């Protein structure tokens, strides 16, 4: 026996309105992402005074946060997409929770992202050597 169909007006967004909303949201995200990318690229290519350019200052002083965290987010997304492509729909079951549908990929993405950012934070050197420090010649030459 099949379950009865829900009432025609019971969904929040129906057909064409749902497609319109998705297009507006995706278009807005693309415009915002393009603006941010072009803004950072412009300030990187034409920095003016390097001591006063905040983009280069953030990249120099907080490289892991400025580039590492977004790359962890993209890498986690790639892992989730490859997993879905190779194994089909993702389902996560623990002793307390069961995640299916749209929730499971989100949970897997969060776990991957947290694992990568925690690993990056643990492995990132807090005492990075200065870039202008000279290495002694004895350290470079092999022992005789």
N, C-alpha and C. Protein backbone atom coordinates (compact mmCIF):
# COMPACT_ATOMS: atom_id res chain seq x y z
N UNK A 1 0.84 -1.17 0.00
CA UNK A 1 0.00 0.00 0.00
C UNK A 1 0.89 1.24 0.00
N UNK A 2 0.62 2.17 -0.84
CA UNK A 2 1.42 3.39 -0.92
C UNK A 2 0.83 4.46 -0.03
N UNK A 3 1.72 5.33 0.41
CA UNK A 3 1.24 6.42 1.26
C UNK A 3 0.59 7.49 0.39
N UNK A 4 -0.39 8.18 0.94
CA UNK A 4 -1.08 9.21 0.15
C UNK A 4 -0.13 10.36 -0.16
N UNK A 5 -0.33 10.98 -1.30
CA UNK A 5 0.48 12.13 -1.69
C UNK A 5 0.17 13.30 -0.77
N UNK A 6 1.19 14.09 -0.46
CA UNK A 6 0.92 15.27 0.36
C UNK A 6 0.06 16.27 -0.40
N UNK A 7 -0.57 17.15 0.33
CA UNK A 7 -1.42 18.17 -0.29
C UNK A 7 -0.58 19.02 -1.25
N UNK A 8 -1.19 19.47 -2.33
CA UNK A 8 -0.42 20.23 -3.32
C UNK A 8 0.27 21.47 -2.76
N UNK A 9 -0.28 22.16 -1.81
CA UNK A 9 0.31 23.38 -1.28
C UNK A 9 1.12 23.18 -0.02
N UNK A 10 1.47 21.93 0.32
CA UNK A 10 2.11 21.68 1.60
C UNK A 10 3.61 21.99 1.60
N UNK A 11 4.26 21.97 0.44
CA UNK A 11 5.69 22.30 0.40
C UNK A 11 5.87 23.80 0.49
N UNK A 12 6.97 24.20 1.08
CA UNK A 12 7.21 25.62 1.25
C UNK A 12 7.44 26.30 -0.09
N UNK A 13 8.32 25.75 -0.90
CA UNK A 13 8.59 26.31 -2.22
C UNK A 13 8.27 25.27 -3.28
N UNK A 14 7.42 25.60 -4.19
CA UNK A 14 7.03 24.68 -5.25
C UNK A 14 7.76 25.01 -6.55
N UNK A 15 8.01 24.03 -7.34
CA UNK A 15 8.53 24.07 -8.70
C UNK A 15 9.30 25.29 -9.13
N UNK A 16 8.64 26.19 -9.87
CA UNK A 16 9.32 27.32 -10.48
C UNK A 16 9.85 28.30 -9.44
N UNK A 17 9.15 28.49 -8.33
CA UNK A 17 9.63 29.38 -7.29
C UNK A 17 10.90 28.82 -6.65
N UNK A 18 10.95 27.51 -6.48
CA UNK A 18 12.13 26.87 -5.91
C UNK A 18 13.33 27.04 -6.84
N UNK A 19 13.13 26.81 -8.15
CA UNK A 19 14.22 26.99 -9.12
C UNK A 19 14.68 28.44 -9.16
N UNK A 20 13.75 29.39 -9.10
CA UNK A 20 14.08 30.81 -9.10
C UNK A 20 14.92 31.17 -7.87
N UNK A 21 14.52 30.67 -6.71
CA UNK A 21 15.25 30.96 -5.47
C UNK A 21 16.65 30.38 -5.52
N UNK A 22 16.79 29.16 -6.02
CA UNK A 22 18.11 28.54 -6.12
C UNK A 22 19.00 29.33 -7.07
N UNK A 23 18.45 29.78 -8.19
CA UNK A 23 19.25 30.56 -9.14
C UNK A 23 19.69 31.88 -8.54
N UNK A 24 18.81 32.54 -7.82
CA UNK A 24 19.17 33.82 -7.18
C UNK A 24 20.27 33.59 -6.15
N UNK A 25 20.14 32.56 -5.32
CA UNK A 25 21.15 32.28 -4.29
C UNK A 25 22.49 31.92 -4.92
N UNK A 26 22.49 31.05 -5.91
CA UNK A 26 23.74 30.68 -6.57
C UNK A 26 24.37 31.88 -7.28
N UNK A 27 23.55 32.68 -7.94
CA UNK A 27 24.07 33.88 -8.60
C UNK A 27 24.69 34.85 -7.61
N UNK A 28 24.04 35.03 -6.47
CA UNK A 28 24.59 35.90 -5.43
C UNK A 28 25.90 35.38 -4.87
N UNK A 29 25.99 34.07 -4.67
CA UNK A 29 27.24 33.50 -4.17
C UNK A 29 28.36 33.66 -5.18
N UNK A 30 28.05 33.47 -6.47
CA UNK A 30 29.07 33.62 -7.51
C UNK A 30 29.55 35.07 -7.58
N UNK A 31 28.63 36.03 -7.53
CA UNK A 31 29.01 37.44 -7.58
C UNK A 31 29.85 37.81 -6.37
N UNK A 32 29.44 37.39 -5.17
CA UNK A 32 30.19 37.70 -3.97
C UNK A 32 31.57 37.06 -3.99
N UNK A 33 31.66 35.80 -4.40
CA UNK A 33 32.95 35.12 -4.49
C UNK A 33 33.86 35.77 -5.51
N UNK A 34 33.32 36.15 -6.67
CA UNK A 34 34.12 36.81 -7.70
C UNK A 34 34.62 38.16 -7.20
N UNK A 35 33.77 38.91 -6.51
CA UNK A 35 34.19 40.20 -5.98
C UNK A 35 35.35 40.02 -4.98
N UNK A 36 35.21 39.08 -4.05
CA UNK A 36 36.26 38.85 -3.08
C UNK A 36 37.56 38.41 -3.74
N UNK A 37 37.46 37.52 -4.72
CA UNK A 37 38.66 37.04 -5.42
C UNK A 37 39.34 38.18 -6.16
N UNK A 38 38.57 38.98 -6.90
CA UNK A 38 39.15 40.09 -7.65
C UNK A 38 39.72 41.16 -6.73
N UNK A 39 39.07 41.39 -5.59
CA UNK A 39 39.57 42.37 -4.63
C UNK A 39 40.93 41.96 -4.08
N UNK A 40 41.05 40.71 -3.68
CA UNK A 40 42.32 40.22 -3.14
C UNK A 40 43.39 40.19 -4.22
N UNK A 41 43.02 39.77 -5.44
CA UNK A 41 44.00 39.74 -6.53
C UNK A 41 44.48 41.15 -6.87
N UNK A 42 43.59 42.13 -6.91
CA UNK A 42 43.99 43.50 -7.21
C UNK A 42 44.97 44.02 -6.16
N UNK A 43 44.66 43.79 -4.88
CA UNK A 43 45.53 44.27 -3.82
C UNK A 43 46.83 43.49 -3.72
N UNK A 44 46.86 42.29 -4.26
CA UNK A 44 48.10 41.52 -4.29
C UNK A 44 48.98 41.94 -5.46
N UNK A 45 48.38 42.24 -6.60
CA UNK A 45 49.16 42.61 -7.79
C UNK A 45 49.62 44.07 -7.74
N UNK A 46 48.80 44.95 -7.17
CA UNK A 46 49.14 46.36 -7.06
C UNK A 46 49.10 46.78 -5.59
N UNK A 47 50.11 46.35 -4.82
CA UNK A 47 50.02 46.56 -3.37
C UNK A 47 50.24 47.99 -2.91
N UNK A 48 50.88 48.82 -3.70
CA UNK A 48 51.20 50.15 -3.22
C UNK A 48 52.32 50.03 -2.20
N UNK A 49 52.15 50.60 -1.05
CA UNK A 49 53.15 50.50 0.01
C UNK A 49 52.95 49.18 0.76
N UNK A 50 53.91 48.24 0.70
CA UNK A 50 53.70 46.93 1.32
C UNK A 50 53.47 46.98 2.83
N UNK A 51 54.02 48.00 3.50
CA UNK A 51 53.82 48.08 4.96
C UNK A 51 52.39 48.49 5.30
N UNK A 52 51.69 49.16 4.36
CA UNK A 52 50.35 49.64 4.63
C UNK A 52 49.26 48.77 4.02
N UNK A 53 49.61 47.81 3.18
CA UNK A 53 48.63 46.97 2.51
C UNK A 53 48.17 45.88 3.47
N UNK A 54 46.90 45.93 3.84
CA UNK A 54 46.40 44.98 4.84
C UNK A 54 46.30 43.57 4.29
N UNK A 55 46.07 43.39 2.98
CA UNK A 55 45.96 42.04 2.40
C UNK A 55 47.29 41.32 2.53
N UNK A 56 48.38 41.98 2.13
CA UNK A 56 49.70 41.36 2.23
C UNK A 56 50.11 41.16 3.68
N UNK A 57 49.70 42.08 4.55
CA UNK A 57 50.02 41.93 5.97
C UNK A 57 49.34 40.70 6.56
N UNK A 58 48.07 40.49 6.22
CA UNK A 58 47.36 39.30 6.71
C UNK A 58 47.97 38.03 6.14
N UNK A 59 48.29 38.03 4.85
CA UNK A 59 48.91 36.85 4.25
C UNK A 59 50.27 36.55 4.86
N UNK A 60 51.04 37.58 5.18
CA UNK A 60 52.36 37.37 5.75
C UNK A 60 52.29 36.88 7.20
N UNK A 61 51.45 37.50 8.00
CA UNK A 61 51.41 37.18 9.43
C UNK A 61 50.50 36.00 9.77
N UNK A 62 49.47 35.73 8.96
CA UNK A 62 48.50 34.68 9.25
C UNK A 62 48.28 33.81 8.02
N UNK A 63 49.37 33.30 7.47
CA UNK A 63 49.30 32.54 6.23
C UNK A 63 48.41 31.31 6.38
N UNK A 64 48.54 30.60 7.49
CA UNK A 64 47.75 29.38 7.69
C UNK A 64 46.26 29.69 7.75
N UNK A 65 45.90 30.76 8.41
CA UNK A 65 44.48 31.11 8.51
C UNK A 65 43.95 31.69 7.20
N UNK A 66 44.77 32.48 6.52
CA UNK A 66 44.30 33.15 5.30
C UNK A 66 44.18 32.21 4.12
N UNK A 67 45.07 31.25 3.99
CA UNK A 67 45.03 30.35 2.85
C UNK A 67 44.79 28.89 3.25
N UNK A 68 45.26 28.49 4.41
CA UNK A 68 45.13 27.10 4.82
C UNK A 68 43.70 26.69 5.14
N UNK A 69 42.98 27.51 5.86
CA UNK A 69 41.61 27.17 6.24
C UNK A 69 40.68 27.09 5.02
N UNK A 70 40.72 28.07 4.10
CA UNK A 70 39.89 27.90 2.90
C UNK A 70 40.27 26.67 2.07
N UNK A 71 41.56 26.35 2.01
CA UNK A 71 41.97 25.17 1.26
C UNK A 71 41.50 23.89 1.97
N UNK A 72 41.45 23.90 3.28
CA UNK A 72 40.88 22.76 4.02
C UNK A 72 39.40 22.60 3.71
N UNK A 73 38.69 23.71 3.59
CA UNK A 73 37.26 23.65 3.26
C UNK A 73 37.06 23.06 1.86
N UNK A 74 37.87 23.48 0.90
CA UNK A 74 37.75 22.96 -0.46
C UNK A 74 38.15 21.48 -0.50
N UNK A 75 39.20 21.12 0.22
CA UNK A 75 39.63 19.71 0.25
C UNK A 75 38.57 18.82 0.89
N UNK A 76 37.92 19.30 1.96
CA UNK A 76 36.85 18.52 2.58
C UNK A 76 35.68 18.35 1.63
N UNK A 77 35.35 19.41 0.87
CA UNK A 77 34.29 19.30 -0.12
C UNK A 77 34.64 18.28 -1.20
N UNK A 78 35.89 18.30 -1.65
CA UNK A 78 36.33 17.31 -2.66
C UNK A 78 36.22 15.89 -2.12
N UNK A 79 36.58 15.68 -0.87
CA UNK A 79 36.48 14.35 -0.27
C UNK A 79 35.03 13.89 -0.24
N UNK A 80 34.12 14.77 0.18
CA UNK A 80 32.70 14.41 0.24
C UNK A 80 32.16 14.12 -1.16
N UNK A 81 32.50 14.94 -2.14
CA UNK A 81 32.00 14.73 -3.49
C UNK A 81 32.55 13.45 -4.11
N UNK A 82 33.83 13.15 -3.88
CA UNK A 82 34.41 11.90 -4.39
C UNK A 82 33.76 10.71 -3.70
N UNK A 83 33.54 10.81 -2.40
CA UNK A 83 32.89 9.72 -1.66
C UNK A 83 31.48 9.48 -2.19
N UNK A 84 30.73 10.55 -2.42
CA UNK A 84 29.37 10.39 -2.96
C UNK A 84 29.38 9.82 -4.37
N UNK A 85 30.33 10.25 -5.17
CA UNK A 85 30.41 9.75 -6.54
C UNK A 85 30.79 8.27 -6.57
N UNK A 86 31.72 7.87 -5.73
CA UNK A 86 32.20 6.49 -5.74
C UNK A 86 31.25 5.52 -5.04
N UNK A 87 30.64 5.95 -3.94
CA UNK A 87 29.87 5.01 -3.12
C UNK A 87 28.36 5.28 -3.11
N UNK A 88 27.91 6.33 -3.75
CA UNK A 88 26.48 6.63 -3.74
C UNK A 88 26.11 7.52 -2.56
N UNK A 89 24.82 7.61 -2.26
CA UNK A 89 24.38 8.48 -1.17
C UNK A 89 25.05 8.13 0.17
N UNK A 90 25.45 9.16 0.89
CA UNK A 90 26.14 8.97 2.16
C UNK A 90 25.12 8.82 3.27
N UNK A 91 25.36 7.83 4.14
CA UNK A 91 24.56 7.65 5.34
C UNK A 91 25.52 7.46 6.50
N UNK A 92 25.31 8.20 7.57
CA UNK A 92 26.16 8.12 8.75
C UNK A 92 25.31 7.62 9.91
N UNK A 93 25.75 6.53 10.53
CA UNK A 93 25.02 5.99 11.68
C UNK A 93 25.99 5.81 12.84
N UNK A 94 25.62 6.34 13.99
CA UNK A 94 26.37 6.12 15.22
C UNK A 94 25.41 5.48 16.22
N UNK A 95 25.89 5.28 17.41
CA UNK A 95 25.01 4.68 18.42
C UNK A 95 23.91 5.65 18.86
N UNK A 96 24.15 6.96 18.66
CA UNK A 96 23.17 7.94 19.11
C UNK A 96 22.37 8.57 17.98
N UNK A 97 22.99 8.71 16.80
CA UNK A 97 22.35 9.45 15.71
C UNK A 97 22.38 8.64 14.42
N UNK A 98 21.43 8.96 13.55
CA UNK A 98 21.42 8.45 12.18
C UNK A 98 21.22 9.64 11.26
N UNK A 99 22.17 9.83 10.35
CA UNK A 99 22.08 10.93 9.40
C UNK A 99 21.90 10.36 8.01
N UNK A 100 20.87 10.81 7.33
CA UNK A 100 20.59 10.39 5.96
C UNK A 100 20.19 11.63 5.17
N UNK A 101 20.16 11.47 3.86
CA UNK A 101 19.73 12.58 3.01
C UNK A 101 20.79 13.67 2.97
N UNK A 102 20.36 14.92 3.12
CA UNK A 102 21.28 16.05 3.02
C UNK A 102 22.13 16.23 4.27
N UNK A 103 21.71 15.69 5.39
CA UNK A 103 22.46 15.88 6.64
C UNK A 103 23.76 15.08 6.65
N UNK A 104 23.78 13.91 6.06
CA UNK A 104 24.97 13.05 6.12
C UNK A 104 26.18 13.68 5.43
N UNK A 105 26.06 14.19 4.20
CA UNK A 105 27.24 14.84 3.60
C UNK A 105 27.72 16.06 4.39
N UNK A 106 26.80 16.78 5.00
CA UNK A 106 27.20 17.94 5.80
C UNK A 106 28.00 17.49 7.01
N UNK A 107 27.56 16.43 7.67
CA UNK A 107 28.28 15.91 8.84
C UNK A 107 29.65 15.40 8.43
N UNK A 108 29.74 14.69 7.31
CA UNK A 108 31.04 14.19 6.83
C UNK A 108 31.95 15.35 6.47
N UNK A 109 31.40 16.41 5.84
CA UNK A 109 32.20 17.58 5.51
C UNK A 109 32.73 18.25 6.77
N UNK A 110 31.89 18.40 7.79
CA UNK A 110 32.31 19.03 9.05
C UNK A 110 33.43 18.21 9.70
N UNK A 111 33.27 16.89 9.72
CA UNK A 111 34.31 16.04 10.33
C UNK A 111 35.62 16.14 9.56
N UNK A 112 35.56 16.11 8.23
CA UNK A 112 36.78 16.24 7.42
C UNK A 112 37.43 17.60 7.63
N UNK A 113 36.62 18.66 7.62
CA UNK A 113 37.15 20.01 7.79
C UNK A 113 37.79 20.17 9.16
N UNK A 114 37.12 19.70 10.20
CA UNK A 114 37.70 19.81 11.54
C UNK A 114 38.98 19.01 11.67
N UNK A 115 39.03 17.81 11.11
CA UNK A 115 40.24 17.00 11.17
C UNK A 115 41.40 17.70 10.48
N UNK A 116 41.14 18.29 9.32
CA UNK A 116 42.22 18.96 8.59
C UNK A 116 42.68 20.23 9.29
N UNK A 117 41.76 21.03 9.80
CA UNK A 117 42.16 22.27 10.47
C UNK A 117 42.87 21.99 11.79
N UNK A 118 42.43 20.98 12.52
CA UNK A 118 43.13 20.62 13.76
C UNK A 118 44.53 20.10 13.45
N UNK A 119 44.66 19.27 12.43
CA UNK A 119 45.98 18.78 12.03
C UNK A 119 46.87 19.92 11.58
N UNK A 120 46.32 20.86 10.84
CA UNK A 120 47.11 22.01 10.39
C UNK A 120 47.55 22.86 11.58
N UNK A 121 46.67 23.05 12.55
CA UNK A 121 47.02 23.84 13.72
C UNK A 121 48.09 23.15 14.55
N UNK A 122 48.04 21.83 14.65
CA UNK A 122 49.04 21.10 15.43
C UNK A 122 50.39 21.11 14.72
N UNK A 123 50.37 20.92 13.39
CA UNK A 123 51.62 20.79 12.65
C UNK A 123 52.23 22.12 12.23
N UNK A 124 51.46 23.20 12.25
CA UNK A 124 51.99 24.49 11.81
C UNK A 124 52.99 24.99 12.82
N UNK A 125 54.15 25.40 12.34
CA UNK A 125 55.21 25.87 13.22
C UNK A 125 54.84 27.24 13.77
N UNK A 126 54.82 27.34 15.08
CA UNK A 126 54.52 28.62 15.72
C UNK A 126 55.73 29.55 15.68
N UNK A 127 56.93 28.98 15.65
CA UNK A 127 58.16 29.76 15.65
C UNK A 127 58.82 29.65 14.28
N UNK A 128 58.15 30.14 13.27
CA UNK A 128 58.70 30.06 11.92
C UNK A 128 59.93 30.93 11.83
N UNK A 129 60.99 30.43 11.19
CA UNK A 129 62.20 31.25 11.06
C UNK A 129 61.94 32.44 10.15
N UNK A 130 62.64 33.50 10.42
CA UNK A 130 62.51 34.69 9.60
C UNK A 130 63.03 34.40 8.20
N UNK A 131 62.42 35.00 7.21
CA UNK A 131 62.81 34.74 5.83
C UNK A 131 64.15 35.38 5.47
N UNK A 132 64.55 36.40 6.21
CA UNK A 132 65.79 37.09 5.87
C UNK A 132 67.00 36.55 6.66
N UNK A 133 66.81 35.52 7.47
CA UNK A 133 67.91 34.98 8.26
C UNK A 133 68.84 34.18 7.34
N UNK A 134 70.13 34.41 7.49
CA UNK A 134 71.13 33.70 6.69
C UNK A 134 71.47 32.37 7.34
N UNK A 135 71.60 31.36 6.49
CA UNK A 135 72.00 30.03 6.98
C UNK A 135 73.51 29.96 6.94
N UNK A 136 74.15 29.51 8.02
CA UNK A 136 75.61 29.42 8.01
C UNK A 136 76.09 28.45 6.93
N UNK A 137 77.23 28.76 6.36
CA UNK A 137 77.78 27.93 5.28
C UNK A 137 78.09 26.52 5.77
N UNK A 138 78.46 26.38 7.04
CA UNK A 138 78.78 25.05 7.59
C UNK A 138 77.56 24.13 7.60
N UNK A 139 76.39 24.71 7.73
CA UNK A 139 75.17 23.90 7.76
C UNK A 139 74.80 23.36 6.40
N UNK A 140 75.25 24.04 5.34
CA UNK A 140 74.90 23.64 3.99
C UNK A 140 75.90 22.65 3.41
N UNK A 141 77.19 22.79 3.76
CA UNK A 141 78.23 21.93 3.20
C UNK A 141 78.23 20.58 3.89
N UNK A 142 78.43 19.49 3.12
CA UNK A 142 78.48 18.17 3.74
C UNK A 142 79.77 18.02 4.55
N UNK A 143 79.72 17.18 5.59
CA UNK A 143 80.94 16.99 6.40
C UNK A 143 82.03 16.27 5.59
N UNK A 144 83.28 16.55 5.89
CA UNK A 144 84.39 15.95 5.14
C UNK A 144 85.04 14.82 5.89
